[in-house]
Amino acid sequence: MEANNISIATTVPASRKLQANDAKELLSKAKTMTVAKGKKVQQFKGGKSATDEAVSAMLGSTGNLRAPTVVVGKTLLVGFNQAVFEEHFV
């Protein structure tokens, strides 16, 4: 993030486990969400159109919110994919 002069407003430590309720809250405030799991990238609608499938995609195998999770305006990015991050940050 520093390489692109992007400032981080809030950081949540890994010791604070965010789960399904936290994921639902984040997704309810977003217009769109992109979930990246390696090369697989999925798009979901947020807000009132959010589905259980979208919330499930946000969670890892332990039931915790996947990292990194980034809020960019009304867009939510979950997981890491280089191309997705470049699209939003470069």
N, C-alpha and C. Protein backbone atom coordinates (compact mmCIF):
# COMPACT_ATOMS: atom_id res chain seq x y z
N MET A 1 0.81 -1.19 0.00
CA MET A 1 0.00 0.00 0.00
C MET A 1 0.87 1.27 0.00
N GLU A 2 1.97 1.19 0.76
CA GLU A 2 2.84 2.36 0.83
C GLU A 2 3.43 2.71 -0.53
N ALA A 3 3.70 1.70 -1.35
CA ALA A 3 4.30 1.93 -2.66
C ALA A 3 3.40 2.78 -3.56
N ASN A 4 2.10 2.73 -3.31
CA ASN A 4 1.15 3.50 -4.12
C ASN A 4 0.57 4.69 -3.36
N ASN A 5 1.23 5.06 -2.25
CA ASN A 5 0.80 6.20 -1.44
C ASN A 5 -0.65 6.09 -0.99
N ILE A 6 -1.03 4.90 -0.54
CA ILE A 6 -2.39 4.65 -0.04
C ILE A 6 -2.31 4.61 1.47
N SER A 7 -3.13 5.42 2.13
CA SER A 7 -3.13 5.40 3.58
C SER A 7 -4.21 4.45 4.09
N ILE A 8 -3.92 3.77 5.16
CA ILE A 8 -4.84 2.82 5.76
C ILE A 8 -5.54 3.53 6.91
N ALA A 9 -6.89 3.59 6.84
CA ALA A 9 -7.66 4.29 7.85
C ALA A 9 -7.83 3.45 9.12
N THR A 10 -8.09 2.16 8.97
CA THR A 10 -8.32 1.28 10.11
C THR A 10 -7.66 -0.06 9.86
N THR A 11 -6.97 -0.55 10.86
CA THR A 11 -6.37 -1.87 10.80
C THR A 11 -6.93 -2.70 11.95
N VAL A 12 -7.37 -3.90 11.64
CA VAL A 12 -7.88 -4.81 12.67
C VAL A 12 -6.85 -5.91 12.86
N PRO A 13 -6.36 -6.11 14.08
CA PRO A 13 -5.34 -7.14 14.30
C PRO A 13 -5.91 -8.54 14.07
N ALA A 14 -5.06 -9.46 13.65
CA ALA A 14 -5.47 -10.84 13.37
C ALA A 14 -6.02 -11.53 14.61
N SER A 15 -5.63 -11.06 15.79
CA SER A 15 -6.12 -11.68 17.03
C SER A 15 -7.62 -11.42 17.24
N ARG A 16 -8.15 -10.41 16.58
CA ARG A 16 -9.59 -10.13 16.66
C ARG A 16 -10.26 -10.88 15.51
N LYS A 17 -10.94 -11.95 15.84
CA LYS A 17 -11.54 -12.82 14.83
C LYS A 17 -12.90 -12.25 14.39
N LEU A 18 -13.00 -11.87 13.12
CA LEU A 18 -14.25 -11.38 12.57
C LEU A 18 -14.97 -12.55 11.92
N GLN A 19 -16.25 -12.73 12.25
CA GLN A 19 -16.98 -13.89 11.77
C GLN A 19 -18.17 -13.47 10.91
N ALA A 20 -19.13 -14.38 10.72
CA ALA A 20 -20.23 -14.17 9.78
C ALA A 20 -21.01 -12.89 10.07
N ASN A 21 -21.29 -12.58 11.31
CA ASN A 21 -22.05 -11.36 11.62
C ASN A 21 -21.28 -10.11 11.21
N ASP A 22 -19.98 -10.13 11.43
CA ASP A 22 -19.14 -9.00 11.02
C ASP A 22 -19.11 -8.89 9.49
N ALA A 23 -19.04 -10.04 8.81
CA ALA A 23 -19.03 -10.06 7.35
C ALA A 23 -20.33 -9.48 6.81
N LYS A 24 -21.47 -9.88 7.39
CA LYS A 24 -22.78 -9.37 6.96
C LYS A 24 -22.85 -7.86 7.12
N GLU A 25 -22.32 -7.36 8.23
CA GLU A 25 -22.34 -5.92 8.48
C GLU A 25 -21.51 -5.17 7.43
N LEU A 26 -20.32 -5.66 7.13
CA LEU A 26 -19.48 -5.03 6.11
C LEU A 26 -20.17 -5.05 4.75
N LEU A 27 -20.74 -6.20 4.39
CA LEU A 27 -21.38 -6.35 3.09
C LEU A 27 -22.63 -5.49 2.98
N SER A 28 -23.35 -5.28 4.07
CA SER A 28 -24.56 -4.47 4.03
C SER A 28 -24.26 -3.01 3.69
N LYS A 29 -23.04 -2.56 3.97
CA LYS A 29 -22.64 -1.18 3.70
C LYS A 29 -22.02 -1.00 2.31
N ALA A 30 -21.74 -2.11 1.64
CA ALA A 30 -21.08 -2.06 0.33
C ALA A 30 -22.10 -2.14 -0.80
N LYS A 31 -21.74 -1.57 -1.93
CA LYS A 31 -22.57 -1.68 -3.14
C LYS A 31 -22.20 -2.94 -3.91
N THR A 32 -20.89 -3.20 -4.00
CA THR A 32 -20.40 -4.39 -4.68
C THR A 32 -19.27 -5.01 -3.87
N MET A 33 -19.02 -6.29 -4.14
CA MET A 33 -17.94 -6.98 -3.46
C MET A 33 -17.23 -7.90 -4.44
N THR A 34 -15.92 -7.93 -4.34
CA THR A 34 -15.11 -8.85 -5.12
C THR A 34 -14.40 -9.77 -4.14
N VAL A 35 -14.55 -11.08 -4.35
CA VAL A 35 -13.89 -12.07 -3.50
C VAL A 35 -12.86 -12.79 -4.36
N ALA A 36 -11.63 -12.79 -3.91
CA ALA A 36 -10.55 -13.46 -4.62
C ALA A 36 -10.03 -14.61 -3.78
N LYS A 37 -9.99 -15.78 -4.41
CA LYS A 37 -9.39 -16.96 -3.78
C LYS A 37 -8.39 -17.49 -4.79
N GLY A 38 -7.15 -17.04 -4.69
CA GLY A 38 -6.13 -17.38 -5.69
C GLY A 38 -6.49 -16.73 -7.02
N LYS A 39 -6.60 -17.53 -8.07
CA LYS A 39 -6.94 -16.99 -9.39
C LYS A 39 -8.44 -16.88 -9.60
N LYS A 40 -9.23 -17.51 -8.71
CA LYS A 40 -10.69 -17.46 -8.81
C LYS A 40 -11.19 -16.14 -8.23
N VAL A 41 -11.95 -15.39 -9.03
CA VAL A 41 -12.49 -14.10 -8.60
C VAL A 41 -14.00 -14.12 -8.82
N GLN A 42 -14.75 -13.77 -7.77
CA GLN A 42 -16.20 -13.73 -7.85
C GLN A 42 -16.69 -12.33 -7.52
N GLN A 43 -17.78 -11.93 -8.17
CA GLN A 43 -18.41 -10.64 -7.92
C GLN A 43 -19.76 -10.87 -7.24
N PHE A 44 -20.10 -10.02 -6.27
CA PHE A 44 -21.37 -10.11 -5.57
C PHE A 44 -21.93 -8.71 -5.38
N LYS A 45 -23.25 -8.63 -5.22
CA LYS A 45 -23.90 -7.37 -4.88
C LYS A 45 -23.93 -7.26 -3.36
N GLY A 46 -23.86 -6.03 -2.89
CA GLY A 46 -23.93 -5.78 -1.46
C GLY A 46 -25.26 -5.16 -1.08
N GLY A 47 -25.27 -4.49 0.05
CA GLY A 47 -26.48 -3.83 0.53
C GLY A 47 -27.59 -4.82 0.80
N LYS A 48 -28.81 -4.43 0.47
CA LYS A 48 -29.97 -5.28 0.71
C LYS A 48 -30.02 -6.47 -0.24
N SER A 49 -29.24 -6.43 -1.31
CA SER A 49 -29.19 -7.52 -2.28
C SER A 49 -28.21 -8.62 -1.88
N ALA A 50 -27.52 -8.46 -0.76
CA ALA A 50 -26.52 -9.42 -0.33
C ALA A 50 -27.15 -10.78 -0.04
N THR A 51 -26.46 -11.83 -0.44
CA THR A 51 -26.97 -13.19 -0.26
C THR A 51 -26.13 -13.94 0.77
N ASP A 52 -26.67 -15.06 1.24
CA ASP A 52 -25.90 -15.92 2.14
C ASP A 52 -24.68 -16.48 1.44
N GLU A 53 -24.79 -16.70 0.12
CA GLU A 53 -23.65 -17.19 -0.66
C GLU A 53 -22.51 -16.18 -0.63
N ALA A 54 -22.85 -14.90 -0.71
CA ALA A 54 -21.83 -13.85 -0.67
C ALA A 54 -21.13 -13.83 0.69
N VAL A 55 -21.91 -13.92 1.75
CA VAL A 55 -21.32 -13.93 3.09
C VAL A 55 -20.43 -15.16 3.26
N SER A 56 -20.89 -16.29 2.78
CA SER A 56 -20.11 -17.53 2.86
C SER A 56 -18.78 -17.40 2.12
N ALA A 57 -18.79 -16.72 0.97
CA ALA A 57 -17.57 -16.53 0.18
C ALA A 57 -16.55 -15.66 0.92
N MET A 58 -17.02 -14.83 1.83
CA MET A 58 -16.14 -13.95 2.58
C MET A 58 -15.38 -14.67 3.69
N LEU A 59 -15.85 -15.85 4.06
CA LEU A 59 -15.29 -16.57 5.20
C LEU A 59 -14.33 -17.66 4.77
N GLY A 60 -13.30 -17.84 5.55
CA GLY A 60 -12.34 -18.91 5.29
C GLY A 60 -12.81 -20.21 5.91
N SER A 61 -11.99 -21.23 5.85
CA SER A 61 -12.34 -22.56 6.36
C SER A 61 -12.57 -22.57 7.87
N THR A 62 -12.02 -21.61 8.59
CA THR A 62 -12.20 -21.54 10.04
C THR A 62 -13.47 -20.80 10.43
N GLY A 63 -14.15 -20.21 9.45
CA GLY A 63 -15.35 -19.43 9.74
C GLY A 63 -15.07 -17.97 10.02
N ASN A 64 -13.82 -17.58 9.88
CA ASN A 64 -13.42 -16.19 10.10
C ASN A 64 -13.32 -15.45 8.77
N LEU A 65 -13.47 -14.14 8.83
CA LEU A 65 -13.36 -13.30 7.65
C LEU A 65 -11.98 -13.47 7.02
N ARG A 66 -11.95 -13.66 5.70
CA ARG A 66 -10.69 -13.86 4.99
C ARG A 66 -9.90 -12.56 4.95
N ALA A 67 -8.60 -12.69 4.88
CA ALA A 67 -7.73 -11.52 4.82
C ALA A 67 -6.98 -11.52 3.50
N PRO A 68 -6.65 -10.38 3.00
CA PRO A 68 -7.05 -9.08 3.51
C PRO A 68 -8.50 -8.77 3.11
N THR A 69 -9.12 -7.93 3.90
CA THR A 69 -10.44 -7.38 3.57
C THR A 69 -10.26 -5.87 3.52
N VAL A 70 -10.63 -5.29 2.39
CA VAL A 70 -10.38 -3.87 2.17
C VAL A 70 -11.68 -3.20 1.73
N VAL A 71 -11.98 -2.06 2.32
CA VAL A 71 -13.13 -1.26 1.92
C VAL A 71 -12.60 -0.06 1.13
N VAL A 72 -13.04 0.06 -0.12
CA VAL A 72 -12.66 1.16 -0.99
C VAL A 72 -13.95 1.85 -1.42
N GLY A 73 -14.30 2.94 -0.73
CA GLY A 73 -15.57 3.60 -1.02
C GLY A 73 -16.72 2.65 -0.72
N LYS A 74 -17.52 2.33 -1.71
CA LYS A 74 -18.66 1.41 -1.56
C LYS A 74 -18.32 0.02 -2.11
N THR A 75 -17.03 -0.24 -2.33
CA THR A 75 -16.59 -1.54 -2.84
C THR A 75 -15.84 -2.28 -1.74
N LEU A 76 -16.13 -3.56 -1.63
CA LEU A 76 -15.49 -4.41 -0.64
C LEU A 76 -14.64 -5.43 -1.38
N LEU A 77 -13.37 -5.53 -1.01
CA LEU A 77 -12.45 -6.50 -1.60
C LEU A 77 -12.07 -7.50 -0.52
N VAL A 78 -12.27 -8.79 -0.79
CA VAL A 78 -11.96 -9.83 0.18
C VAL A 78 -11.01 -10.82 -0.46
N GLY A 79 -9.91 -11.12 0.22
CA GLY A 79 -8.90 -12.00 -0.34
C GLY A 79 -7.95 -11.22 -1.22
N PHE A 80 -6.94 -11.91 -1.73
CA PHE A 80 -5.95 -11.20 -2.54
C PHE A 80 -5.83 -11.79 -3.93
N ASN A 81 -5.85 -10.90 -4.90
CA ASN A 81 -5.57 -11.22 -6.29
C ASN A 81 -4.87 -9.99 -6.85
N GLN A 82 -3.67 -10.15 -7.38
CA GLN A 82 -2.86 -9.02 -7.84
C GLN A 82 -3.61 -8.15 -8.84
N ALA A 83 -4.27 -8.75 -9.82
CA ALA A 83 -4.98 -7.98 -10.85
C ALA A 83 -6.12 -7.16 -10.25
N VAL A 84 -6.83 -7.72 -9.30
CA VAL A 84 -7.94 -6.99 -8.65
C VAL A 84 -7.40 -5.80 -7.88
N PHE A 85 -6.32 -6.01 -7.13
CA PHE A 85 -5.76 -4.90 -6.36
C PHE A 85 -5.21 -3.81 -7.28
N GLU A 86 -4.56 -4.20 -8.36
CA GLU A 86 -4.07 -3.20 -9.31
C GLU A 86 -5.20 -2.40 -9.92
N GLU A 87 -6.30 -3.05 -10.19
CA GLU A 87 -7.48 -2.38 -10.77
C GLU A 87 -8.00 -1.29 -9.83
N HIS A 88 -7.93 -1.52 -8.54
CA HIS A 88 -8.49 -0.57 -7.57
C HIS A 88 -7.48 0.40 -7.00
N PHE A 89 -6.19 0.07 -7.05
CA PHE A 89 -5.21 0.90 -6.36
C PHE A 89 -4.13 1.51 -7.22
N VAL A 90 -3.97 1.08 -8.44
CA VAL A 90 -2.87 1.62 -9.25
C VAL A 90 -3.41 2.54 -10.32
